[in-house]
């Protein structure tokens, strides 16, 4: 990286801090900090939902998969997310908005105290917060790997640089800062991604490269499913994405909570789905073509960085790197805000044994918690290799453990599952976590060798299936009979503006 590239990257970081500082003016209370006061425009919510859905891991871990496996990553990842949003658009976004409108919730887990009970809410809150630390740590690690590949910056300084800027604007402006920086980042990565696509196509001989490169790549690179990423794995990950992107991931639920109306939330979900269908094609094409341009690359995780340095002038290198950081900073700041909301609204009141906090105290605690969460995740990023690296932490650990937490959160919104109460929710979470632990301990056992082809599908799918089955079965054999829970569900699933019952 030359001086111009560093100048562009430095200007990007300064812009993010300026936007975050400006956004602080819009934060007057806790609701503003965690849900933008329920006034976020649908288009901003949709762009923020999309930007918060993936990070620099795409340009490290997924770039490696694109280099070694071809187009399969688009089908089981981006296409799967878009389909999950389209399937859930009429089911989930509106319920999150009605939850805020009718019951004034700020945290995605507040409703669980009424839907199940306090122990269930606490279990899901603590386990989800801990899991998010690992997930966000993987994102910082991916950013640091990119900065090292571009400029030789040591891992620890890469984490401090990107994390420090994110801490500043997240603590200052809350969800408004997250969304407004997401918009700025979306514009930057749009320019950067298109620049990279044009440079790659020109290097390969012009527009004809869009269809001619496939004859020069290995045959399995243009197969939607092959190797470890089979149809079974794709189907499994579709259900993970169905849970995650419709609100099982707390930061994405917040985008719906921040929408003004159910219709606005649905429109934001559709916009995000459209972006997932189209934009990854632009991002991935250079990655798919990279084996042609660099056939003997030693480390596929650096393929996108190598492409950028080889094809673009210095100023555009800085812009592309800024675009890569944009995704990580969008996702990590969103996760930090969501986890802080859960801690401030759901966990701290219990630790204080019912002692209430004023709105000003909650706002201060929210800022402190956001700072602390990001700091801990940055420390964890330095040890990402101990958990299987970026791919292991993002695809396997998070994919496998999201389901057990998200199943009771998302299915708990639906009337058909009203019989599944606290026992079902806790049993579901425990069953998923235990099955994942057993799988990780059994990974070297001989009896698993014959299923090695489906290793990723098994690692992600078994915990999800265990959680889902336990949630259903316990609901059938030991149905919950709670009038308050029933009234809550009736309110969320109605089209009226008033709840069946007012809950404290």
Protein backbone atom coordinates (compact mmCIF):
# COMPACT_ATOMS: atom_id res chain seq x y z
CA UNK A 1 0.00 0.00 0.00
CA UNK A 2 1.28 3.40 -1.02
CA UNK A 3 0.74 6.78 0.58
CA UNK A 4 -2.39 7.45 -1.49
CA UNK A 5 -3.98 4.15 -0.42
CA UNK A 6 -3.29 4.91 3.24
CA UNK A 7 -4.72 8.40 2.73
CA UNK A 8 -7.96 7.03 1.29
CA UNK A 9 -8.27 4.46 4.09
CA UNK A 10 -7.52 7.11 6.71
CA UNK A 11 -10.17 9.42 5.23
CA UNK A 12 -12.68 6.56 5.42
CA UNK A 13 -12.01 5.99 9.11
CA UNK A 14 -12.32 9.72 9.80
CA UNK A 15 -15.63 9.83 7.90
CA UNK A 16 -17.02 6.99 10.04
CA UNK A 17 -16.10 8.83 13.23
CA UNK A 18 -17.60 12.10 11.97
CA UNK A 19 -20.89 10.36 11.08
CA UNK A 20 -20.95 8.65 14.47
CA UNK A 21 -20.29 11.91 16.29
CA UNK A 22 -23.04 13.66 14.31
CA UNK A 23 -25.50 10.82 15.03
CA UNK A 24 -25.16 11.36 18.76
CA UNK A 25 -27.50 14.36 18.34
CA UNK A 26 -30.32 11.97 17.46
CA UNK A 27 -29.87 9.95 20.67
CA UNK A 28 -31.96 11.44 23.46
CA UNK A 29 -32.97 8.29 25.33
CA UNK A 30 -32.55 4.51 25.52
CA UNK A 31 -35.10 3.88 22.78
CA UNK A 32 -33.13 6.11 20.40
CA UNK A 33 -29.88 4.34 21.27
CA UNK A 34 -31.20 0.79 20.76
CA UNK A 35 -34.10 1.07 18.27
CA UNK A 36 -33.69 4.52 16.66
CA UNK A 37 -36.94 5.50 18.36
CA UNK A 38 -38.89 3.34 15.89
CA UNK A 39 -38.54 6.00 13.19
CA UNK A 40 -35.95 4.52 10.82
CA UNK A 41 -36.99 4.78 7.11
CA UNK A 42 -37.55 1.42 5.42
CA UNK A 43 -34.81 1.94 2.84
CA UNK A 44 -32.23 2.80 5.50
CA UNK A 45 -33.34 -0.17 7.59
CA UNK A 46 -33.08 -2.46 4.55
CA UNK A 47 -29.58 -1.28 3.62
CA UNK A 48 -28.50 -1.53 7.26
CA UNK A 49 -29.99 -5.04 7.51
CA UNK A 50 -27.98 -6.07 4.45
CA UNK A 51 -24.74 -4.43 5.58
CA UNK A 52 -25.09 -5.93 9.06
CA UNK A 53 -25.48 -9.42 7.62
CA UNK A 54 -21.88 -10.06 6.62
CA UNK A 55 -18.37 -8.85 7.23
CA UNK A 56 -14.79 -8.99 5.97
CA UNK A 57 -15.00 -12.74 6.53
CA UNK A 58 -16.60 -12.79 3.08
CA UNK A 59 -13.37 -11.44 1.59
CA UNK A 60 -11.20 -13.84 3.60
CA UNK A 61 -12.98 -17.10 4.41
CA UNK A 62 -15.54 -17.02 1.60
CA UNK A 63 -12.93 -15.73 -0.87
CA UNK A 64 -10.91 -18.84 -0.05
CA UNK A 65 -13.95 -21.02 -0.75
CA UNK A 66 -14.58 -19.18 -4.03
CA UNK A 67 -10.94 -19.80 -5.01
CA UNK A 68 -11.03 -23.51 -4.17
CA UNK A 69 -14.68 -24.43 -4.78
CA UNK A 70 -16.20 -21.88 -7.19
CA UNK A 71 -19.80 -20.73 -7.28
CA UNK A 72 -21.17 -23.01 -4.57
CA UNK A 73 -20.57 -20.28 -1.95
CA UNK A 74 -23.13 -18.04 -3.68
CA UNK A 75 -25.85 -20.68 -3.61
CA UNK A 76 -25.56 -21.92 -0.03
CA UNK A 77 -24.76 -18.46 1.39
CA UNK A 78 -26.13 -15.40 -0.50
CA UNK A 79 -28.91 -17.18 -2.39
CA UNK A 80 -29.94 -18.98 0.77
CA UNK A 81 -30.18 -15.72 2.72
CA UNK A 82 -32.27 -14.06 0.01
CA UNK A 83 -34.64 -17.03 -0.12
CA UNK A 84 -34.98 -17.13 3.66
CA UNK A 85 -35.93 -13.44 3.74
CA UNK A 86 -38.48 -13.90 0.94
CA UNK A 87 -40.04 -16.86 2.76
CA UNK A 88 -40.21 -15.01 6.07
CA UNK A 89 -41.19 -11.54 4.87
CA UNK A 90 -44.91 -11.96 5.55
CA UNK A 91 -44.33 -13.79 8.84
CA UNK A 92 -41.67 -12.16 11.01
CA UNK A 93 -40.85 -8.46 10.29
CA UNK A 94 -44.33 -7.20 11.15
CA UNK A 95 -44.35 -9.08 14.45
CA UNK A 96 -41.16 -7.38 15.59
CA UNK A 97 -42.65 -3.95 14.87
CA UNK A 98 -45.92 -4.78 16.66
CA UNK A 99 -43.86 -5.93 19.62
CA UNK A 100 -42.28 -2.48 19.91
CA UNK A 101 -45.53 -0.64 19.19
CA UNK A 102 -47.73 -2.61 21.58
CA UNK A 103 -45.34 -3.54 24.39
CA UNK A 104 -42.60 -0.88 24.06
CA UNK A 105 -39.80 -3.43 23.93
CA UNK A 106 -36.29 -2.27 23.11
CA UNK A 107 -34.38 -5.54 23.39
CA UNK A 108 -35.16 -8.49 21.06
CA UNK A 109 -35.40 -10.73 24.15
CA UNK A 110 -37.69 -8.62 26.34
CA UNK A 111 -40.78 -10.47 25.19
CA UNK A 112 -39.36 -13.84 26.30
CA UNK A 113 -40.07 -13.10 29.95
CA UNK A 114 -43.80 -13.13 29.17
CA UNK A 115 -43.70 -15.71 26.37
CA UNK A 116 -41.78 -18.23 28.52
CA UNK A 117 -40.41 -17.11 31.89
CA UNK A 118 -37.46 -15.31 33.46
CA UNK A 119 -35.00 -18.28 33.60
CA UNK A 120 -35.56 -18.94 29.88
CA UNK A 121 -34.94 -15.31 29.02
CA UNK A 122 -31.74 -15.30 31.09
CA UNK A 123 -30.43 -18.54 29.56
CA UNK A 124 -30.92 -17.28 26.02
CA UNK A 125 -29.55 -13.84 26.90
CA UNK A 126 -26.33 -15.10 28.49
CA UNK A 127 -25.67 -17.84 25.93
CA UNK A 128 -26.39 -15.53 22.99
CA UNK A 129 -24.13 -12.79 24.32
CA UNK A 130 -21.25 -15.23 24.85
CA UNK A 131 -21.71 -16.71 21.36
CA UNK A 132 -21.69 -13.23 19.83
CA UNK A 133 -18.32 -12.48 21.40
CA UNK A 134 -16.84 -15.38 19.42
CA UNK A 135 -18.63 -14.38 16.22
CA UNK A 136 -17.53 -10.75 16.39
CA UNK A 137 -14.00 -11.84 17.31
CA UNK A 138 -13.87 -13.79 14.03
CA UNK A 139 -14.89 -10.64 12.14
CA UNK A 140 -12.08 -8.57 13.68
CA UNK A 141 -9.66 -11.36 12.84
CA UNK A 142 -10.80 -11.32 9.19
CA UNK A 143 -10.24 -7.55 8.98
CA UNK A 144 -6.79 -7.85 10.49
CA UNK A 145 -5.88 -10.62 8.01
CA UNK A 146 -6.84 -8.31 5.14
CA UNK A 147 -4.81 -5.41 6.49
CA UNK A 148 -1.84 -7.72 6.98
CA UNK A 149 -2.17 -9.02 3.40
CA UNK A 150 -2.34 -5.48 2.00
CA UNK A 151 0.24 -3.68 4.10
CA UNK A 152 1.97 -6.16 6.40
CA UNK A 153 0.31 -4.63 9.47
CA UNK A 154 0.59 -7.02 12.47
CA UNK A 155 -2.64 -8.74 13.53
CA UNK A 156 -2.90 -6.92 16.85
CA UNK A 157 -2.64 -3.46 15.26
CA UNK A 158 -5.16 -4.39 12.57
CA UNK A 159 -7.66 -5.35 15.27
CA UNK A 160 -6.97 -2.19 17.28
CA UNK A 161 -7.36 0.11 14.26
CA UNK A 162 -10.67 -1.21 12.94
CA UNK A 163 -12.05 -1.96 16.39
CA UNK A 164 -11.10 1.41 17.80
CA UNK A 165 -12.95 3.35 15.10
CA UNK A 166 -16.03 1.13 15.51
CA UNK A 167 -15.99 1.59 19.28
CA UNK A 168 -15.99 5.37 18.85
CA UNK A 169 -19.02 5.73 16.61
CA UNK A 170 -21.02 2.87 18.19
CA UNK A 171 -20.69 4.29 21.69
CA UNK A 172 -21.48 7.81 20.50
CA UNK A 173 -24.53 7.29 18.31
CA UNK A 174 -26.03 3.88 19.03
CA UNK A 175 -28.27 2.36 16.37
CA UNK A 176 -28.62 5.66 14.51
CA UNK A 177 -24.84 5.80 14.10
CA UNK A 178 -24.78 2.15 13.04
CA UNK A 179 -27.43 2.71 10.36
CA UNK A 180 -26.01 5.98 9.03
CA UNK A 181 -22.48 4.58 8.84
CA UNK A 182 -23.97 1.50 7.18
CA UNK A 183 -25.36 3.78 4.47
CA UNK A 184 -21.99 5.52 4.01
CA UNK A 185 -20.25 2.17 3.94
CA UNK A 186 -22.73 0.78 1.43
CA UNK A 187 -21.95 3.62 -1.00
CA UNK A 188 -18.19 3.16 -0.54
CA UNK A 189 -18.27 -0.62 -1.04
CA UNK A 190 -20.58 -0.14 -4.06
CA UNK A 191 -17.92 1.99 -5.78
CA UNK A 192 -15.11 -0.30 -4.63
CA UNK A 193 -16.85 -3.52 -5.68
CA UNK A 194 -17.73 -2.23 -9.14
CA UNK A 195 -14.16 -0.95 -9.60
CA UNK A 196 -12.79 -4.38 -8.73
CA UNK A 197 -15.22 -6.10 -11.10
CA UNK A 198 -14.29 -3.81 -14.02
CA UNK A 199 -10.57 -4.27 -13.38
CA UNK A 200 -10.95 -8.06 -13.33
CA UNK A 201 -13.02 -8.18 -16.51
CA UNK A 202 -10.53 -5.95 -18.36
CA UNK A 203 -7.64 -8.13 -17.22
CA UNK A 204 -9.42 -11.22 -18.55
CA UNK A 205 -10.04 -9.70 -21.98
CA UNK A 206 -13.31 -7.81 -21.78
CA UNK A 207 -17.01 -8.48 -21.32
CA UNK A 208 -16.74 -11.97 -22.82
CA UNK A 209 -14.95 -13.01 -19.61
CA UNK A 210 -18.33 -13.24 -17.88
CA UNK A 211 -19.08 -16.45 -19.77
CA UNK A 212 -15.66 -17.61 -21.03
CA UNK A 213 -13.86 -18.01 -17.70
CA UNK A 214 -15.90 -21.08 -16.80
CA UNK A 215 -14.17 -23.08 -19.54
CA UNK A 216 -10.81 -22.24 -17.98
CA UNK A 217 -11.76 -23.17 -14.42
CA UNK A 218 -12.02 -26.69 -12.98
CA UNK A 219 -15.36 -28.31 -13.81
CA UNK A 220 -16.56 -28.44 -10.22
CA UNK A 221 -16.12 -24.64 -9.91
CA UNK A 222 -19.35 -24.06 -11.81
CA UNK A 223 -21.37 -26.66 -9.95
CA UNK A 224 -23.79 -25.20 -7.38
CA UNK A 225 -23.08 -27.96 -4.85
CA UNK A 226 -20.05 -30.20 -4.50
CA UNK A 227 -17.36 -31.32 -2.05
CA UNK A 228 -18.19 -30.53 1.56
CA UNK A 229 -20.81 -27.99 0.44
CA UNK A 230 -23.49 -30.41 -0.64
CA UNK A 231 -27.22 -29.99 -1.18
CA UNK A 232 -27.71 -31.29 2.36
CA UNK A 233 -25.37 -28.61 3.72
CA UNK A 234 -27.13 -25.91 1.67
CA UNK A 235 -30.54 -27.02 2.94
CA UNK A 236 -29.25 -27.03 6.50
CA UNK A 237 -27.78 -23.57 6.14
CA UNK A 238 -31.02 -22.30 4.63
CA UNK A 239 -32.79 -23.10 7.90
CA UNK A 240 -29.98 -21.46 9.86
CA UNK A 241 -30.35 -18.34 7.70
CA UNK A 242 -34.13 -18.51 8.01
CA UNK A 243 -33.75 -18.21 11.77
CA UNK A 244 -30.90 -15.72 11.72
CA UNK A 245 -31.93 -13.14 9.13
CA UNK A 246 -35.59 -12.98 10.16
CA UNK A 247 -34.66 -11.93 13.68
CA UNK A 248 -32.88 -14.84 15.36
CA UNK A 249 -29.73 -12.71 15.13
CA UNK A 250 -30.47 -9.92 17.57
CA UNK A 251 -28.90 -7.14 15.49
CA UNK A 252 -31.11 -8.02 12.52
CA UNK A 253 -34.21 -8.13 14.73
CA UNK A 254 -33.32 -4.59 15.79
CA UNK A 255 -33.60 -3.38 12.18
CA UNK A 256 -37.21 -4.55 12.21
CA UNK A 257 -37.84 -3.14 15.69
CA UNK A 258 -36.56 0.23 14.44
CA UNK A 259 -39.01 0.34 11.52
CA UNK A 260 -41.97 2.69 11.86
CA UNK A 261 -44.69 0.24 10.73
CA UNK A 262 -45.08 -3.47 9.90
CA UNK A 263 -45.31 -2.56 6.21
CA UNK A 264 -42.05 -0.60 6.42
CA UNK A 265 -40.35 -3.58 8.08
CA UNK A 266 -41.53 -5.89 5.30
CA UNK A 267 -40.24 -3.48 2.64
CA UNK A 268 -36.86 -3.30 4.35
CA UNK A 269 -36.70 -7.11 4.40
CA UNK A 270 -37.49 -7.27 0.68
CA UNK A 271 -34.80 -4.68 -0.09
CA UNK A 272 -32.24 -6.68 1.86
CA UNK A 273 -33.26 -9.87 0.01
CA UNK A 274 -32.83 -8.14 -3.35
CA UNK A 275 -29.37 -6.92 -2.40
CA UNK A 276 -28.37 -10.44 -1.36
CA UNK A 277 -29.53 -11.80 -4.71
CA UNK A 278 -27.66 -9.27 -6.85
CA UNK A 279 -24.74 -7.69 -5.05
CA UNK A 280 -22.77 -10.87 -4.13
CA UNK A 281 -22.57 -11.69 -7.85
CA UNK A 282 -20.55 -8.48 -8.29
CA UNK A 283 -18.39 -9.20 -5.26
CA UNK A 284 -17.71 -12.86 -6.03
CA UNK A 285 -16.89 -12.69 -9.74
CA UNK A 286 -13.28 -11.52 -9.14
CA UNK A 287 -12.92 -14.25 -6.51
CA UNK A 288 -14.24 -16.91 -8.92
CA UNK A 289 -11.79 -15.71 -11.59
CA UNK A 290 -8.79 -15.54 -9.25
CA UNK A 291 -7.57 -19.14 -9.93
CA UNK A 292 -7.08 -18.13 -13.58
CA UNK A 293 -5.06 -15.03 -12.72
CA UNK A 294 -3.16 -16.59 -9.78
CA UNK A 295 -3.25 -20.38 -10.28
CA UNK A 296 -0.65 -21.28 -7.64
CA UNK A 297 -1.68 -19.14 -4.71
CA UNK A 298 -0.37 -20.60 -1.45
CA UNK A 299 -2.97 -19.04 0.87
CA UNK A 300 -6.46 -18.78 -0.69
CA UNK A 301 -7.65 -16.54 2.17
CA UNK A 302 -5.47 -13.78 0.70
CA UNK A 303 -6.82 -14.20 -2.86
CA UNK A 304 -8.95 -11.04 -2.82
CA UNK A 305 -6.11 -8.98 -1.38
CA UNK A 306 -3.69 -10.30 -4.01
CA UNK A 307 -6.21 -9.51 -6.77
CA UNK A 308 -6.69 -5.98 -5.51
CA UNK A 309 -2.98 -5.20 -5.25
CA UNK A 310 -2.31 -6.66 -8.71
CA UNK A 311 -5.17 -5.02 -10.63
CA UNK A 312 -5.88 -1.62 -9.06
CA UNK A 313 -3.96 1.65 -8.69
CA UNK A 314 -3.01 2.84 -5.22
CA UNK A 315 -6.01 5.11 -4.57
CA UNK A 316 -8.51 2.44 -5.54
CA UNK A 317 -6.68 -0.11 -3.37
CA UNK A 318 -7.41 2.10 -0.37
CA UNK A 319 -11.04 2.45 -1.46
CA UNK A 320 -11.47 -1.33 -1.88
CA UNK A 321 -9.90 -1.95 1.51
CA UNK A 322 -12.26 0.62 3.02
CA UNK A 323 -15.14 -1.24 1.38
CA UNK A 324 -13.97 -4.51 2.93
CA UNK A 325 -13.72 -2.94 6.36
CA UNK A 326 -17.17 -1.42 5.87
CA UNK A 327 -18.86 -4.80 6.17
CA UNK A 328 -17.02 -5.80 9.32
CA UNK A 329 -17.60 -2.47 11.02
CA UNK A 330 -21.29 -2.52 10.05
CA UNK A 331 -21.80 -6.00 11.44
CA UNK A 332 -19.75 -5.68 14.61
CA UNK A 333 -21.24 -2.34 15.61
CA UNK A 334 -24.74 -3.73 15.06
CA UNK A 335 -23.99 -6.81 17.13
CA UNK A 336 -22.51 -4.72 19.91
CA UNK A 337 -25.61 -2.52 20.05
CA UNK A 338 -27.92 -5.55 20.12
CA UNK A 339 -25.97 -7.35 22.84
CA UNK A 340 -25.86 -4.15 24.89
CA UNK A 341 -29.65 -3.87 24.58
CA UNK A 342 -30.10 -7.41 25.92
CA UNK A 343 -27.66 -6.83 28.78
CA UNK A 344 -29.14 -3.46 29.80
CA UNK A 345 -32.82 -4.38 29.44
CA UNK A 346 -32.86 -8.08 30.30
CA UNK A 347 -29.80 -9.14 32.29
CA UNK A 348 -28.80 -6.20 34.51
CA UNK A 349 -32.29 -5.72 36.05
CA UNK A 350 -32.18 -9.35 37.21
CA UNK A 351 -28.67 -8.98 38.64
CA UNK A 352 -29.93 -5.91 40.51
CA UNK A 353 -32.76 -8.07 41.89
CA UNK A 354 -35.51 -6.00 40.37
CA UNK A 355 -33.92 -2.63 41.01
CA UNK A 356 -34.93 -0.33 38.19
CA UNK A 357 -32.65 2.05 36.34
CA UNK A 358 -33.64 5.48 35.11
CA UNK A 359 -33.59 6.09 31.37
CA UNK A 360 -30.43 8.17 31.72
CA UNK A 361 -28.73 5.37 33.66
CA UNK A 362 -29.76 2.84 31.02
CA UNK A 363 -28.32 5.05 28.28
CA UNK A 364 -24.98 5.39 30.09
CA UNK A 365 -24.90 1.67 30.82
CA UNK A 366 -25.72 0.94 27.17
CA UNK A 367 -22.72 2.95 26.02
CA UNK A 368 -20.44 1.30 28.58
CA UNK A 369 -21.67 -2.18 27.65
CA UNK A 370 -21.18 -1.49 23.94
CA UNK A 371 -17.60 -0.44 24.65
CA UNK A 372 -16.90 -3.47 26.85
CA UNK A 373 -18.37 -5.99 24.41
CA UNK A 374 -16.31 -4.66 21.51
CA UNK A 375 -13.16 -4.62 23.62
CA UNK A 376 -13.58 -8.26 24.73
CA UNK A 377 -14.29 -9.39 21.16
CA UNK A 378 -11.15 -7.61 19.95
CA UNK A 379 -9.05 -9.51 22.50
CA UNK A 380 -10.66 -12.79 21.42
CA UNK A 381 -9.83 -12.02 17.77
CA UNK A 382 -6.17 -12.52 18.57
CA UNK A 383 -6.90 -16.18 19.37
CA UNK A 384 -9.19 -16.99 16.41
CA UNK A 385 -6.83 -19.72 15.16
CA UNK A 386 -7.57 -21.75 18.31
CA UNK A 387 -11.21 -22.08 17.20
CA UNK A 388 -10.64 -23.21 13.61
CA UNK A 389 -9.73 -19.84 12.14
CA UNK A 390 -12.16 -17.46 10.45
CA UNK A 391 -14.02 -20.17 8.49
CA UNK A 392 -14.32 -22.39 11.54
CA UNK A 393 -15.67 -19.62 13.76
CA UNK A 394 -18.04 -18.06 11.22
CA UNK A 395 -19.43 -21.06 9.34
CA UNK A 396 -19.23 -23.90 11.83
CA UNK A 397 -19.21 -22.53 15.39
CA UNK A 398 -21.68 -19.71 14.82
CA UNK A 399 -23.79 -21.61 12.29
CA UNK A 400 -24.09 -24.59 14.59
CA UNK A 401 -24.82 -22.70 17.80
CA UNK A 402 -27.11 -20.00 16.39
CA UNK A 403 -29.94 -22.49 15.85
CA UNK A 404 -30.28 -23.63 19.47
CA UNK A 405 -30.59 -20.00 20.58
CA UNK A 406 -32.73 -18.75 17.70
CA UNK A 407 -35.27 -21.62 17.62
CA UNK A 408 -37.13 -20.62 20.82
CA UNK A 409 -36.80 -16.89 19.99
CA UNK A 410 -38.27 -17.03 16.49
CA UNK A 411 -40.68 -19.97 16.79
CA UNK A 412 -41.91 -18.43 20.02
CA UNK A 413 -43.47 -15.66 17.91
CA UNK A 414 -45.76 -18.06 16.04
CA UNK A 415 -49.19 -19.28 17.11
CA UNK A 416 -48.73 -22.90 15.89
CA UNK A 417 -46.01 -23.30 18.54
CA UNK A 418 -47.94 -21.78 21.43
CA UNK A 419 -47.92 -25.10 23.32
CA UNK A 420 -44.12 -24.97 23.54
CA UNK A 421 -43.38 -23.21 26.80
CA UNK A 422 -40.38 -22.68 29.12
CA UNK A 423 -39.43 -26.38 29.31
CA UNK A 424 -39.46 -26.66 25.53
CA UNK A 425 -37.38 -23.51 25.09
CA UNK A 426 -34.74 -24.47 27.65
CA UNK A 427 -34.67 -28.09 26.46
CA UNK A 428 -34.26 -26.91 22.88
CA UNK A 429 -31.29 -24.70 23.73
CA UNK A 430 -29.58 -27.35 25.86
CA UNK A 431 -30.15 -30.14 23.33
CA UNK A 432 -28.61 -28.10 20.51
CA UNK A 433 -25.56 -27.10 22.55
CA UNK A 434 -24.99 -30.64 23.84
CA UNK A 435 -25.26 -32.18 20.38
CA UNK A 436 -22.70 -29.67 19.06
CA UNK A 437 -20.35 -30.49 21.93
CA UNK A 438 -20.69 -34.22 21.32
CA UNK A 439 -19.97 -33.75 17.63
CA UNK A 440 -16.84 -31.70 18.31
CA UNK A 441 -15.57 -34.35 20.75
CA UNK A 442 -16.35 -37.16 18.29
CA UNK A 443 -14.78 -35.55 15.23
CA UNK A 444 -11.77 -37.87 15.28
CA UNK A 445 -13.74 -41.07 15.88
CA UNK A 446 -13.43 -43.77 13.16
CA UNK A 447 -17.19 -44.20 12.77
CA UNK A 448 -17.39 -40.64 11.43
CA UNK A 449 -14.90 -41.23 8.63
CA UNK A 450 -17.50 -42.62 6.22
CA UNK A 451 -19.55 -39.44 6.68
CA UNK A 452 -16.60 -37.09 6.16
CA UNK A 453 -18.20 -35.80 2.94
CA UNK A 454 -21.08 -34.42 5.02
CA UNK A 455 -18.96 -33.17 7.93
CA UNK A 456 -19.99 -29.51 7.62
CA UNK A 457 -23.65 -30.39 7.11
CA UNK A 458 -23.58 -32.63 10.18
CA UNK A 459 -21.80 -30.03 12.33
CA UNK A 460 -24.33 -27.32 11.48
CA UNK A 461 -27.43 -29.45 10.96
CA UNK A 462 -27.48 -31.80 13.92
CA UNK A 463 -27.64 -29.08 16.63
CA UNK A 464 -30.35 -27.27 14.66
CA UNK A 465 -32.42 -30.44 14.19
CA UNK A 466 -31.97 -31.42 17.83
CA UNK A 467 -33.19 -28.00 18.98
CA UNK A 468 -36.16 -28.00 16.64
CA UNK A 469 -37.28 -31.54 17.50
CA UNK A 470 -36.94 -31.05 21.25
CA UNK A 471 -38.89 -27.78 21.04
CA UNK A 472 -41.72 -29.51 19.18
CA UNK A 473 -41.77 -32.77 21.16
CA UNK A 474 -41.76 -31.17 24.61
CA UNK A 475 -44.50 -28.82 23.45
CA UNK A 476 -46.59 -31.86 22.51
CA UNK A 477 -45.99 -34.07 25.55
CA UNK A 478 -45.85 -31.28 28.15
CA UNK A 479 -47.80 -28.36 26.67
CA UNK A 480 -47.59 -24.97 28.33
CA UNK A 481 -50.84 -23.42 29.53
CA UNK A 482 -50.17 -19.74 30.16
CA UNK A 483 -52.88 -17.17 29.60
CA UNK A 484 -50.36 -14.32 29.47
CA UNK A 485 -48.29 -16.12 26.85
CA UNK A 486 -51.42 -16.86 24.84
CA UNK A 487 -52.51 -13.23 24.98
CA UNK A 488 -49.07 -12.08 23.90
CA UNK A 489 -49.13 -14.35 20.86
CA UNK A 490 -52.65 -13.29 19.95
CA UNK A 491 -51.54 -9.65 20.06
CA UNK A 492 -48.46 -10.22 17.90
CA UNK A 493 -50.37 -12.26 15.34
CA UNK A 494 -53.30 -9.86 15.01
CA UNK A 495 -53.61 -6.94 12.62
CA UNK A 496 -54.82 -4.52 15.25
CA UNK A 497 -52.75 -1.78 16.86
CA UNK A 498 -53.84 -2.58 20.39
CA UNK A 499 -52.59 -5.58 22.41
CA UNK A 500 -54.99 -8.11 23.90
CA UNK A 501 -53.48 -7.36 27.30
CA UNK A 502 -51.05 -4.79 28.62
CA UNK A 503 -47.90 -6.37 30.12
CA UNK A 504 -45.54 -4.73 32.57
